[in-house]
Amino acid sequence: MLLVVDAGNTNVVFAVHDPEGWRGSWRIRTDAQRTSDEYAVWLMTLLTHSGLKSTDIEGAVIGTVVPAALYHLRRLCRDWFNVEPLIARAHLDWGFEIRVDNPNEVGADRLLNALAGHRQFGGPLIVVDFGTATTFDVVDETGAYLGGVICPGVNLSLEALHQAAARLPRIGMGRPQSVIGRSTVPAMQSGVYWGYIGLIEGLLTRIKGEFGGPMKVVATGGLAPLFSEGTTMIHHILPDLTLDGLRMLAERNPAPAMPRERARLIEPE
């Protein structure tokens, strides 16, 4: 079985995959100071609840946009699962060209979305990821990654609105009944929801115009279903696209060897 770890700015998602499919997925709030032992106490309980054991894990892959969290996640894989994780980085074999000025600057999640999106739907393709940031990533017909757009995320915008305006409350995200809000909360929800729909449709139109042809549009992230209700420009919704990309990346690349000094420490007598 493969342990898949997607460490984002808001949550870290752990999932287990075997030849029959996903066996389970679990998420915890991202905290760069959380130790490998803290992760292990939490994760081992969930694995046991799902009928899995640490010895079932034969490999691991990590994708993270939080560099400070990588050390403890790598230690988790080494100390508790006895595997050396593959780390999603630009120099690996992705199966496509990364046609940007500095490939090392591209977040691993964006490349993983491009990999999984093109594998499942072909290209040309735009992947919209509703995460801490809302990103638009462009993939051509061959699967090459061409770059994209980064915008503030929906929840980040809501929090900024609350913090910067003394009389505006903190609200949750939902689709308002009408565009014209007749009180403060519906007016805020309308501004964020329909404002983002306008942003999504405007950027998709401009990207397609610059690309010069029709493109498929795939949405991922927790808010993808909600915003897909407000537009006809999103063709497919896959909330776990990044996890699929990590699995596919692990299939394309050889598992890294455990460091020699570490291997000696855990070698049975």
C-alpha atoms as a PDB file:
ATOM      1  CA  MET A   1       0.000   0.000   0.000  1.00  0.00           C
ATOM      2  CA  LEU A   2       1.035   3.574  -0.679  1.00  0.00           C
ATOM      3  CA  LEU A   3       0.811   6.341   1.926  1.00  0.00           C
ATOM      4  CA  VAL A   4      -0.025   9.634   0.197  1.00  0.00           C
ATOM      5  CA  VAL A   5       0.516  12.944   2.029  1.00  0.00           C
ATOM      6  CA  ASP A   6      -0.713  16.272   0.669  1.00  0.00           C
ATOM      7  CA  ALA A   7       0.449  19.103   2.955  1.00  0.00           C
ATOM      8  CA  GLY A   8      -1.312  22.352   2.090  1.00  0.00           C
ATOM      9  CA  ASN A   9      -1.364  25.716   3.793  1.00  0.00           C
ATOM     10  CA  THR A  10      -4.576  24.923   5.681  1.00  0.00           C
ATOM     11  CA  ASN A  11      -4.727  21.115   6.049  1.00  0.00           C
ATOM     12  CA  VAL A  12      -2.527  18.056   5.707  1.00  0.00           C
ATOM     13  CA  VAL A  13      -4.350  15.179   4.025  1.00  0.00           C
ATOM     14  CA  PHE A  14      -3.187  11.591   4.537  1.00  0.00           C
ATOM     15  CA  ALA A  15      -4.547   8.821   2.326  1.00  0.00           C
ATOM     16  CA  VAL A  16      -3.788   5.159   1.675  1.00  0.00           C
ATOM     17  CA  HIS A  17      -4.009   3.567  -1.771  1.00  0.00           C
ATOM     18  CA  ASP A  18      -3.716  -0.020  -2.916  1.00  0.00           C
ATOM     19  CA  PRO A  19      -4.344  -1.715  -6.297  1.00  0.00           C
ATOM     20  CA  GLU A  20      -8.081  -1.754  -5.575  1.00  0.00           C
ATOM     21  CA  GLY A  21      -8.283   1.984  -4.919  1.00  0.00           C
ATOM     22  CA  TRP A  22      -8.326   4.405  -2.014  1.00  0.00           C
ATOM     23  CA  ARG A  23      -8.662   2.731   1.379  1.00  0.00           C
ATOM     24  CA  GLY A  24      -9.234   5.927   3.329  1.00  0.00           C
ATOM     25  CA  SER A  25      -8.259   9.567   3.705  1.00  0.00           C
ATOM     26  CA  TRP A  26      -7.949  11.805   6.755  1.00  0.00           C
ATOM     27  CA  ARG A  27      -7.044  15.449   7.321  1.00  0.00           C
ATOM     28  CA  ILE A  28      -5.525  17.492  10.117  1.00  0.00           C
ATOM     29  CA  ARG A  29      -4.879  21.219  10.439  1.00  0.00           C
ATOM     30  CA  THR A  30      -1.474  22.266   9.083  1.00  0.00           C
ATOM     31  CA  ASP A  31       0.985  23.143  11.839  1.00  0.00           C
ATOM     32  CA  ALA A  32       4.634  23.349  10.828  1.00  0.00           C
ATOM     33  CA  GLN A  33       5.660  22.674  14.444  1.00  0.00           C
ATOM     34  CA  ARG A  34       3.687  19.427  14.760  1.00  0.00           C
ATOM     35  CA  THR A  35       6.176  16.612  15.365  1.00  0.00           C
ATOM     36  CA  SER A  36       6.339  13.234  13.648  1.00  0.00           C
ATOM     37  CA  ASP A  37       5.279  11.543  16.887  1.00  0.00           C
ATOM     38  CA  GLU A  38       2.204  13.774  17.164  1.00  0.00           C
ATOM     39  CA  TYR A  39       1.238  12.919  13.600  1.00  0.00           C
ATOM     40  CA  ALA A  40       1.791   9.228  14.361  1.00  0.00           C
ATOM     41  CA  VAL A  41      -0.435   9.081  17.457  1.00  0.00           C
ATOM     42  CA  TRP A  42      -3.286  10.632  15.462  1.00  0.00           C
ATOM     43  CA  LEU A  43      -2.740   8.710  12.215  1.00  0.00           C
ATOM     44  CA  MET A  44      -2.189   5.274  13.758  1.00  0.00           C
ATOM     45  CA  THR A  45      -5.548   5.517  15.515  1.00  0.00           C
ATOM     46  CA  LEU A  46      -7.304   6.290  12.232  1.00  0.00           C
ATOM     47  CA  LEU A  47      -5.493   3.507  10.381  1.00  0.00           C
ATOM     48  CA  THR A  48      -6.507   1.004  13.039  1.00  0.00           C
ATOM     49  CA  HIS A  49     -10.101   2.211  12.871  1.00  0.00           C
ATOM     50  CA  SER A  50     -10.004   1.511   9.103  1.00  0.00           C
ATOM     51  CA  GLY A  51      -8.581  -1.983   9.576  1.00  0.00           C
ATOM     52  CA  LEU A  52      -5.071  -1.034   8.432  1.00  0.00           C
ATOM     53  CA  LYS A  53      -1.652  -1.501  10.054  1.00  0.00           C
ATOM     54  CA  SER A  54       1.594   0.442   9.764  1.00  0.00           C
ATOM     55  CA  THR A  55       3.226  -2.677   8.258  1.00  0.00           C
ATOM     56  CA  ASP A  56       0.742  -2.509   5.352  1.00  0.00           C
ATOM     57  CA  ILE A  57       2.519   0.626   4.095  1.00  0.00           C
ATOM     58  CA  GLU A  58       5.173  -0.254   1.508  1.00  0.00           C
ATOM     59  CA  GLY A  59       5.880   3.221   0.113  1.00  0.00           C
ATOM     60  CA  ALA A  60       5.090   6.888   0.641  1.00  0.00           C
ATOM     61  CA  VAL A  61       4.899  10.081  -1.371  1.00  0.00           C
ATOM     62  CA  ILE A  62       4.701  13.646  -0.020  1.00  0.00           C
ATOM     63  CA  GLY A  63       3.620  16.824  -1.751  1.00  0.00           C
ATOM     64  CA  THR A  64       3.870  20.023   0.261  1.00  0.00           C
ATOM     65  CA  VAL A  65       3.679  23.775  -0.222  1.00  0.00           C
ATOM     66  CA  VAL A  66       4.795  24.259   3.402  1.00  0.00           C
ATOM     67  CA  PRO A  67       8.563  23.576   3.440  1.00  0.00           C
ATOM     68  CA  ALA A  68       8.768  23.792   7.238  1.00  0.00           C
ATOM     69  CA  ALA A  69       6.394  20.826   7.577  1.00  0.00           C
ATOM     70  CA  LEU A  70       8.487  18.503   5.408  1.00  0.00           C
ATOM     71  CA  TYR A  71      11.040  17.512   8.054  1.00  0.00           C
ATOM     72  CA  HIS A  72       8.456  16.070  10.446  1.00  0.00           C
ATOM     73  CA  LEU A  73       6.457  14.388   7.672  1.00  0.00           C
ATOM     74  CA  ARG A  74       9.601  12.701   6.380  1.00  0.00           C
ATOM     75  CA  ARG A  75      10.456  11.568   9.903  1.00  0.00           C
ATOM     76  CA  LEU A  76       6.940  10.146  10.244  1.00  0.00           C
ATOM     77  CA  CYS A  77       7.481   7.967   7.176  1.00  0.00           C
ATOM     78  CA  ARG A  78      10.927   6.821   8.285  1.00  0.00           C
ATOM     79  CA  ASP A  79      10.297   6.250  11.985  1.00  0.00           C
ATOM     80  CA  TRP A  80       6.772   4.854  11.930  1.00  0.00           C
ATOM     81  CA  PHE A  81       6.421   3.192   8.520  1.00  0.00           C
ATOM     82  CA  ASN A  82      10.036   2.274   7.745  1.00  0.00           C
ATOM     83  CA  VAL A  83       9.894   3.806   4.252  1.00  0.00           C
ATOM     84  CA  GLU A  84      11.730   6.684   2.593  1.00  0.00           C
ATOM     85  CA  PRO A  85       9.122   8.983   1.025  1.00  0.00           C
ATOM     86  CA  LEU A  86       9.262  10.324  -2.511  1.00  0.00           C
ATOM     87  CA  ILE A  87       9.060  14.132  -2.365  1.00  0.00           C
ATOM     88  CA  ALA A  88       7.164  15.866  -5.190  1.00  0.00           C
ATOM     89  CA  ARG A  89       9.682  18.255  -6.761  1.00  0.00           C
ATOM     90  CA  ALA A  90      10.217  19.716 -10.208  1.00  0.00           C
ATOM     91  CA  HIS A  91      13.286  17.577 -11.033  1.00  0.00           C
ATOM     92  CA  LEU A  92      11.328  14.299 -10.927  1.00  0.00           C
ATOM     93  CA  ASP A  93       9.929  12.493 -13.963  1.00  0.00           C
ATOM     94  CA  TRP A  94       6.520  14.103 -14.407  1.00  0.00           C
ATOM     95  CA  GLY A  95       5.913  12.811 -17.899  1.00  0.00           C
ATOM     96  CA  PHE A  96       5.541  16.345 -19.272  1.00  0.00           C
ATOM     97  CA  GLU A  97       7.520  19.535 -19.814  1.00  0.00           C
ATOM     98  CA  ILE A  98       7.341  22.346 -17.254  1.00  0.00           C
ATOM     99  CA  ARG A  99       7.454  25.411 -19.529  1.00  0.00           C
ATOM    100  CA  VAL A 100       7.863  28.221 -16.997  1.00  0.00           C
ATOM    101  CA  ASP A 101      10.766  30.533 -16.212  1.00  0.00           C
ATOM    102  CA  ASN A 102      11.716  28.741 -12.977  1.00  0.00           C
ATOM    103  CA  PRO A 103      10.175  25.274 -12.521  1.00  0.00           C
ATOM    104  CA  ASN A 104      11.410  25.098  -8.919  1.00  0.00           C
ATOM    105  CA  GLU A 105       9.106  27.994  -8.000  1.00  0.00           C
ATOM    106  CA  VAL A 106       5.942  26.144  -9.037  1.00  0.00           C
ATOM    107  CA  GLY A 107       3.997  24.693  -6.095  1.00  0.00           C
ATOM    108  CA  ALA A 108       3.955  20.920  -6.070  1.00  0.00           C
ATOM    109  CA  ASP A 109       0.160  20.915  -5.850  1.00  0.00           C
ATOM    110  CA  ARG A 110      -0.125  22.767  -9.158  1.00  0.00           C
ATOM    111  CA  LEU A 111       2.080  20.265 -10.993  1.00  0.00           C
ATOM    112  CA  LEU A 112       0.242  17.364  -9.352  1.00  0.00           C
ATOM    113  CA  ASN A 113      -3.107  18.776 -10.488  1.00  0.00           C
ATOM    114  CA  ALA A 114      -1.742  19.155 -14.015  1.00  0.00           C
ATOM    115  CA  LEU A 115      -0.496  15.556 -14.023  1.00  0.00           C
ATOM    116  CA  ALA A 116      -3.749  14.040 -12.762  1.00  0.00           C
ATOM    117  CA  GLY A 117      -5.989  16.337 -14.802  1.00  0.00           C
ATOM    118  CA  HIS A 118      -4.280  15.593 -18.107  1.00  0.00           C
ATOM    119  CA  ARG A 119      -4.055  11.868 -17.388  1.00  0.00           C
ATOM    120  CA  GLN A 120      -7.801  11.690 -16.819  1.00  0.00           C
ATOM    121  CA  PHE A 121      -9.160  14.207 -19.324  1.00  0.00           C
ATOM    122  CA  GLY A 122      -6.428  14.979 -21.851  1.00  0.00           C
ATOM    123  CA  GLY A 123      -5.765  18.523 -22.978  1.00  0.00           C
ATOM    124  CA  PRO A 124      -5.738  21.379 -23.509  1.00  0.00           C
ATOM    125  CA  LEU A 125      -6.921  21.862 -19.958  1.00  0.00           C
ATOM    126  CA  ILE A 126      -7.375  24.423 -17.196  1.00  0.00           C
ATOM    127  CA  VAL A 127      -7.365  23.219 -13.579  1.00  0.00           C
ATOM    128  CA  VAL A 128      -9.012  25.511 -11.024  1.00  0.00           C
ATOM    129  CA  ASP A 129      -8.012  24.677  -7.445  1.00  0.00           C
ATOM    130  CA  PHE A 130     -10.056  26.235  -4.628  1.00  0.00           C
ATOM    131  CA  GLY A 131      -7.507  26.105  -1.823  1.00  0.00           C
ATOM    132  CA  THR A 132      -5.961  28.673   0.501  1.00  0.00           C
ATOM    133  CA  ALA A 133      -5.175  30.390  -2.790  1.00  0.00           C
ATOM    134  CA  THR A 134      -7.383  29.958  -5.847  1.00  0.00           C
ATOM    135  CA  THR A 135      -5.154  28.856  -8.709  1.00  0.00           C
ATOM    136  CA  PHE A 136      -5.697  28.403 -12.434  1.00  0.00           C
ATOM    137  CA  ASP A 137      -3.198  26.083 -14.136  1.00  0.00           C
ATOM    138  CA  VAL A 138      -2.864  25.664 -17.877  1.00  0.00           C
ATOM    139  CA  VAL A 139      -1.925  22.415 -19.631  1.00  0.00           C
ATOM    140  CA  ASP A 140      -1.595  22.018 -23.395  1.00  0.00           C
ATOM    141  CA  GLU A 141      -2.655  19.067 -25.530  1.00  0.00           C
ATOM    142  CA  THR A 142       0.653  17.216 -24.919  1.00  0.00           C
ATOM    143  CA  GLY A 143       0.361  17.613 -21.153  1.00  0.00           C
ATOM    144  CA  ALA A 144       3.013  20.338 -20.889  1.00  0.00           C
ATOM    145  CA  TYR A 145       2.525  22.716 -17.959  1.00  0.00           C
ATOM    146  CA  LEU A 146       2.376  26.307 -19.230  1.00  0.00           C
ATOM    147  CA  GLY A 147       1.883  28.302 -16.020  1.00  0.00           C
ATOM    148  CA  GLY A 148      -1.240  29.953 -14.718  1.00  0.00           C
ATOM    149  CA  VAL A 149      -2.832  32.431 -12.330  1.00  0.00           C
ATOM    150  CA  ILE A 150      -2.781  32.757  -8.510  1.00  0.00           C
ATOM    151  CA  CYS A 151      -5.567  34.620  -6.652  1.00  0.00           C
ATOM    152  CA  PRO A 152      -6.461  35.013  -2.976  1.00  0.00           C
ATOM    153  CA  GLY A 153      -8.547  32.087  -1.768  1.00  0.00           C
ATOM    154  CA  VAL A 154     -12.220  32.433  -0.907  1.00  0.00           C
ATOM    155  CA  ASN A 155     -11.854  31.885   2.842  1.00  0.00           C
ATOM    156  CA  LEU A 156      -8.812  34.156   2.916  1.00  0.00           C
ATOM    157  CA  SER A 157     -10.891  36.904   1.327  1.00  0.00           C
ATOM    158  CA  LEU A 158     -13.693  36.411   3.860  1.00  0.00           C
ATOM    159  CA  GLU A 159     -11.270  36.618   6.760  1.00  0.00           C
ATOM    160  CA  ALA A 160      -9.566  39.723   5.361  1.00  0.00           C
ATOM    161  CA  LEU A 161     -12.942  41.409   4.903  1.00  0.00           C
ATOM    162  CA  HIS A 162     -13.862  40.708   8.531  1.00  0.00           C
ATOM    163  CA  GLN A 163     -10.511  41.846   9.942  1.00  0.00           C
ATOM    164  CA  ALA A 164     -10.224  45.030   7.899  1.00  0.00           C
ATOM    165  CA  ALA A 165     -13.794  46.290   8.363  1.00  0.00           C
ATOM    166  CA  ALA A 166     -14.754  46.734  12.013  1.00  0.00           C
ATOM    167  CA  ARG A 167     -18.516  46.362  11.523  1.00  0.00           C
ATOM    168  CA  LEU A 168     -18.452  43.372   9.191  1.00  0.00           C
ATOM    169  CA  PRO A 169     -18.859  39.981  10.923  1.00  0.00           C
ATOM    170  CA  ARG A 170     -16.992  36.754  10.234  1.00  0.00           C
ATOM    171  CA  ILE A 171     -19.250  34.653   8.006  1.00  0.00           C
ATOM    172  CA  GLY A 172     -19.279  31.234   6.395  1.00  0.00           C
ATOM    173  CA  MET A 173     -19.358  30.653   2.661  1.00  0.00           C
ATOM    174  CA  GLY A 174     -22.601  29.697   0.926  1.00  0.00           C
ATOM    175  CA  ARG A 175     -24.499  30.367  -2.259  1.00  0.00           C
ATOM    176  CA  PRO A 176     -26.852  33.321  -1.615  1.00  0.00           C
ATOM    177  CA  GLN A 177     -30.462  33.181  -2.754  1.00  0.00           C
ATOM    178  CA  SER A 178     -30.115  36.421  -4.711  1.00  0.00           C
ATOM    179  CA  VAL A 179     -27.408  38.794  -5.861  1.00  0.00           C
ATOM    180  CA  ILE A 180     -28.909  41.778  -4.037  1.00  0.00           C
ATOM    181  CA  GLY A 181     -28.399  41.226  -0.324  1.00  0.00           C
ATOM    182  CA  ARG A 182     -31.029  42.812   1.953  1.00  0.00           C
ATOM    183  CA  SER A 183     -28.901  42.630   5.094  1.00  0.00           C
ATOM    184  CA  THR A 184     -25.191  42.605   5.878  1.00  0.00           C
ATOM    185  CA  VAL A 185     -24.472  38.870   5.861  1.00  0.00           C
ATOM    186  CA  PRO A 186     -26.328  38.086   2.588  1.00  0.00           C
ATOM    187  CA  ALA A 187     -24.674  41.132   1.004  1.00  0.00           C
ATOM    188  CA  MET A 188     -21.219  39.855   2.044  1.00  0.00           C
ATOM    189  CA  GLN A 189     -21.997  36.324   0.856  1.00  0.00           C
ATOM    190  CA  SER A 190     -23.232  37.678  -2.466  1.00  0.00           C
ATOM    191  CA  GLY A 191     -20.154  39.813  -2.942  1.00  0.00           C
ATOM    192  CA  VAL A 192     -17.786  36.937  -2.289  1.00  0.00           C
ATOM    193  CA  TYR A 193     -19.744  34.196  -4.068  1.00  0.00           C
ATOM    194  CA  TRP A 194     -20.844  36.052  -7.191  1.00  0.00           C
ATOM    195  CA  GLY A 195     -17.656  38.082  -7.163  1.00  0.00           C
ATOM    196  CA  TYR A 196     -15.661  34.858  -7.376  1.00  0.00           C
ATOM    197  CA  ILE A 197     -17.955  33.513 -10.077  1.00  0.00           C
ATOM    198  CA  GLY A 198     -17.190  36.674 -12.057  1.00  0.00           C
ATOM    199  CA  LEU A 199     -13.475  36.207 -11.386  1.00  0.00           C
ATOM    200  CA  ILE A 200     -13.614  32.539 -12.435  1.00  0.00           C
ATOM    201  CA  GLU A 201     -15.542  33.184 -15.640  1.00  0.00           C
ATOM    202  CA  GLY A 202     -13.479  36.251 -16.533  1.00  0.00           C
ATOM    203  CA  LEU A 203     -10.133  34.512 -16.069  1.00  0.00           C
ATOM    204  CA  LEU A 204     -11.250  31.353 -17.869  1.00  0.00           C
ATOM    205  CA  THR A 205     -12.411  33.464 -20.823  1.00  0.00           C
ATOM    206  CA  ARG A 206      -9.128  35.388 -20.940  1.00  0.00           C
ATOM    207  CA  ILE A 207      -6.988  32.242 -20.590  1.00  0.00           C
ATOM    208  CA  LYS A 208      -8.862  30.534 -23.433  1.00  0.00           C
ATOM    209  CA  GLY A 209      -8.546  33.665 -25.563  1.00  0.00           C
ATOM    210  CA  GLU A 210      -4.807  33.862 -24.955  1.00  0.00           C
ATOM    211  CA  PHE A 211      -4.387  30.123 -25.556  1.00  0.00           C
ATOM    212  CA  GLY A 212      -6.338  30.415 -28.789  1.00  0.00           C
ATOM    213  CA  GLY A 213      -8.798  27.556 -28.633  1.00  0.00           C
ATOM    214  CA  PRO A 214     -11.334  25.590 -26.589  1.00  0.00           C
ATOM    215  CA  MET A 215     -10.142  24.039 -23.338  1.00  0.00           C
ATOM    216  CA  LYS A 216     -11.573  21.624 -20.795  1.00  0.00           C
ATOM    217  CA  VAL A 217     -11.975  22.993 -17.262  1.00  0.00           C
ATOM    218  CA  VAL A 218     -11.532  20.841 -14.150  1.00  0.00           C
ATOM    219  CA  ALA A 219     -12.184  22.106 -10.610  1.00  0.00           C
ATOM    220  CA  THR A 220     -10.726  20.675  -7.413  1.00  0.00           C
ATOM    221  CA  GLY A 221     -10.597  21.617  -3.748  1.00  0.00           C
ATOM    222  CA  GLY A 222     -13.246  21.606  -1.048  1.00  0.00           C
ATOM    223  CA  LEU A 223     -15.228  24.540  -2.453  1.00  0.00           C
ATOM    224  CA  ALA A 224     -15.235  23.283  -6.048  1.00  0.00           C
ATOM    225  CA  PRO A 225     -18.789  21.832  -5.909  1.00  0.00           C
ATOM    226  CA  LEU A 226     -20.195  25.035  -4.403  1.00  0.00           C
ATOM    227  CA  PHE A 227     -18.731  27.357  -7.032  1.00  0.00           C
ATOM    228  CA  SER A 228     -19.426  24.956  -9.877  1.00  0.00           C
ATOM    229  CA  GLU A 229     -23.135  25.452  -9.151  1.00  0.00           C
ATOM    230  CA  GLY A 230     -22.851  29.091 -10.207  1.00  0.00           C
ATOM    231  CA  THR A 231     -21.233  28.678 -13.622  1.00  0.00           C
ATOM    232  CA  THR A 232     -21.467  26.467 -16.692  1.00  0.00           C
ATOM    233  CA  MET A 233     -17.773  26.946 -17.544  1.00  0.00           C
ATOM    234  CA  ILE A 234     -16.536  24.172 -15.217  1.00  0.00           C
ATOM    235  CA  HIS A 235     -16.849  20.762 -16.890  1.00  0.00           C
ATOM    236  CA  HIS A 236     -15.568  18.325 -14.245  1.00  0.00           C
ATOM    237  CA  ILE A 237     -15.274  18.346 -10.434  1.00  0.00           C
ATOM    238  CA  LEU A 238     -12.641  16.179  -8.730  1.00  0.00           C
ATOM    239  CA  PRO A 239     -12.106  17.177  -5.076  1.00  0.00           C
ATOM    240  CA  ASP A 240      -9.189  14.714  -4.640  1.00  0.00           C
ATOM    241  CA  LEU A 241      -7.276  15.556  -7.818  1.00  0.00           C
ATOM    242  CA  THR A 242      -4.044  16.375  -5.937  1.00  0.00           C
ATOM    243  CA  LEU A 243      -4.044  12.993  -4.186  1.00  0.00           C
ATOM    244  CA  ASP A 244      -4.455  11.274  -7.555  1.00  0.00           C
ATOM    245  CA  GLY A 245      -1.509  13.296  -8.856  1.00  0.00           C
ATOM    246  CA  LEU A 246       0.678  12.140  -5.969  1.00  0.00           C
ATOM    247  CA  ARG A 247      -0.249   8.524  -6.613  1.00  0.00           C
ATOM    248  CA  MET A 248       0.531   8.883 -10.320  1.00  0.00           C
ATOM    249  CA  LEU A 249       3.862  10.583  -9.578  1.00  0.00           C
ATOM    250  CA  ALA A 250       4.845   7.712  -7.277  1.00  0.00           C
ATOM    251  CA  GLU A 251       3.994   5.243 -10.041  1.00  0.00           C
ATOM    252  CA  ARG A 252       6.277   7.090 -12.499  1.00  0.00           C
ATOM    253  CA  ASN A 253       9.319   7.399 -10.230  1.00  0.00           C
ATOM    254  CA  PRO A 254      11.383   4.798  -8.354  1.00  0.00           C
ATOM    255  CA  ALA A 255      10.987   4.731  -4.602  1.00  0.00           C
ATOM    256  CA  PRO A 256      13.968   6.462  -2.939  1.00  0.00           C
ATOM    257  CA  ALA A 257      16.295   4.353  -0.819  1.00  0.00           C
ATOM    258  CA  MET A 258      16.377   4.767   2.931  1.00  0.00           C
ATOM    259  CA  PRO A 259      19.545   6.684   3.965  1.00  0.00           C
ATOM    260  CA  ARG A 260      22.289   4.189   4.765  1.00  0.00           C
ATOM    261  CA  GLU A 261      22.819   5.359   8.341  1.00  0.00           C
ATOM    262  CA  ARG A 262      19.065   5.203   8.947  1.00  0.00           C
ATOM    263  CA  ALA A 263      18.817   1.734   7.436  1.00  0.00           C
ATOM    264  CA  ARG A 264      21.485   0.470   9.866  1.00  0.00           C
ATOM    265  CA  LEU A 265      19.519   1.826  12.837  1.00  0.00           C
ATOM    266  CA  ILE A 266      16.354  -0.067  11.940  1.00  0.00           C
ATOM    267  CA  GLU A 267      17.959  -3.221  10.539  1.00  0.00           C
ATOM    268  CA  PRO A 268      16.846  -6.262  12.565  1.00  0.00           C
ATOM    269  CA  GLU A 269      19.528  -8.205  14.338  1.00  0.00           C
END
